[in-house]
Amino acid sequence: MNLNRNRKKLITIFLSIIVVILIPIISTSCMGIGPFGGSPNEATDQGIEVFEVKRGNISQIASATGSVDSKTQNTLNLTVSGTIIGALENGDTFKKGDVLVEVDNSDGLFNIEQQAKNIETIEADLAMARSSLSTANINYQEALDKNHIAIQLAETNTKKAEESSESAFQSLENANISAAVSYESAELALVNAENMLKYADTNQEIEQKTYDVDSAELKVDSADASNRQSVDQAESSYEKSLLDQSSTYWNNLSSLQSAEAQIALVRENIGQAKLKLEQAQIKLDLAIMDLESSNEDLDDYLILAPYDGMVMSSDYRVGESASQGGTGISIISDEYLVSAAVSENDIARISIGNPTSITFDAYPNQDFTGSIKRIIPISIDEGGIIYYEVLIGFENIESLEIFYGLSANVSIETVRAENVLFVPIQSVYKEEGKSYVDLQVSGQVDHDNISQSVKKVEITTGINDYFYIEVTSGLKEGDVIITSRI
């Protein structure tokens, strides 16, 4: 608070104390002398004032001084270093979201550009990794298909080899049987020829039968040679079929092993492609996070207004270099209130929500209303006088231009009695701890015999302001009382 504000607070507090002291003195001077305070003749000479008892509202008031303050005040600082290219100055007003201070963000933009290029490279690597994985999956399917074909071919070739071996073996069996039959037939013909030779009689018959025997022997020899050749060929074919079957087995086995090896190789390629894809995706995610963080960091090059308000002070100047952690820029919101100092004698009577009347030295002909929004329960000692700060919210300043720091005079309504009987405070006097008033009992006051015109009436009182006091019993509305002698 400035010196002028403190001086006004002290004056108001001093006046409040004087009023508190004077009210009982005034009341005692008016109330303690008894009816009229003298003889009837003296009252006649002085003249008489009267008051008609009314109903109305009475409020007890606590006075205070203060000044216009802001509901919100902040000091904002930059978190980056650089050259200031824009800054509001002291007294500048702003709206929520306006730029208060701006720092050159060229370095930040360059960093973002490099990160964007890095992301493009990583995305290309990611696309290549996806392509490699797709190719590996295709190769894997081809390897599975080839393995399936190899298995089918192996089964077919094995079956053919087995059938060929069985056919060769059957041919060998048939050759042996045929050879045996042919040989037996030739031998039987030889035996028959030999038998016929035995019964030959003539030389011609003997020659003929001998020729037949020789011919039969040749047939036996020929059948034996032919049979041996057929059997040898059959045996050779059978042995070859066995060799072919064995070769088919080993070829099938080699083909199956090769197909399985290809499957394993392609499966490994798929694993490597997946790993590269995952690594590329992780790199991309991290790069994107870094880019987003850098974009967010661009906000650090700006100080934005968090509300509508005004700049109180700023250490930032256009063209100067800003360093992190400086004093900063101090701002206030345009939601104004009054900060007032209340005497310790009054603070206990004040509560949140108490209505207030506010006047400003700058606007002497206008009155404003408000209410207590906050009581700060920390005492402040100024020159040995204790007071407490209260914050008062306005209710009707829409049409008025309010300036921060304007001096204000505040009347705080601490107690209020509505629709009650009241009389001037100076009309009540006390005797032996009881309160009395002088009630007019005739239509006109007889100045010559005033004691016949008034009556001393005991009353009970309630709250009072500086001028009137509440009457809770002893009088009724419309009664006329004597208030003073002039």
Foldseek 3Di string as FASTA:
>chain_A
DDPVQVVQQVVLVVVVVVLVVVLVVLQAVLAVCPPQNDDLLVLLVQDFDKDFWFWWKFFAKFKWKFWKAFPDKDFDFFAAKAFWADADFAFDWDFFFAFHTFGDCPVLVVVLVVLVVVLVVLVVLLVVLVVLLVVLVVLLVVLVVLLVVLVVVLVVQLVVLVVQLVVLVVQLVVLLVVLVVQLVVLVVQLVVLVVQCVPDDDPVSNVVSVVSNVVSVVSNVVSNVVSVVSNVVSVVSNVVSVVSSVVSNVVSVVSNVVSVVSNVVSVVSSVVSVVSNVVSVVVSVVSVVVSVVSVVCSCSSTDGHNGTWGWNHAPDDHRDMGDGPDSGTMIGHPQMWIKIWGFPVCPVLADFFFKKKKDFPVHRPDIWIWTWHDWDPDWDADPNTITTITITGTDDCPPPDGDGTTMMMMMTGRDMDGGFIKDWSSQWHDDPRWIWGWWFDDPDQDSVCRVVGTDIWTFDWDDHYSTMTTTPDGDDRRIMTIRHGD
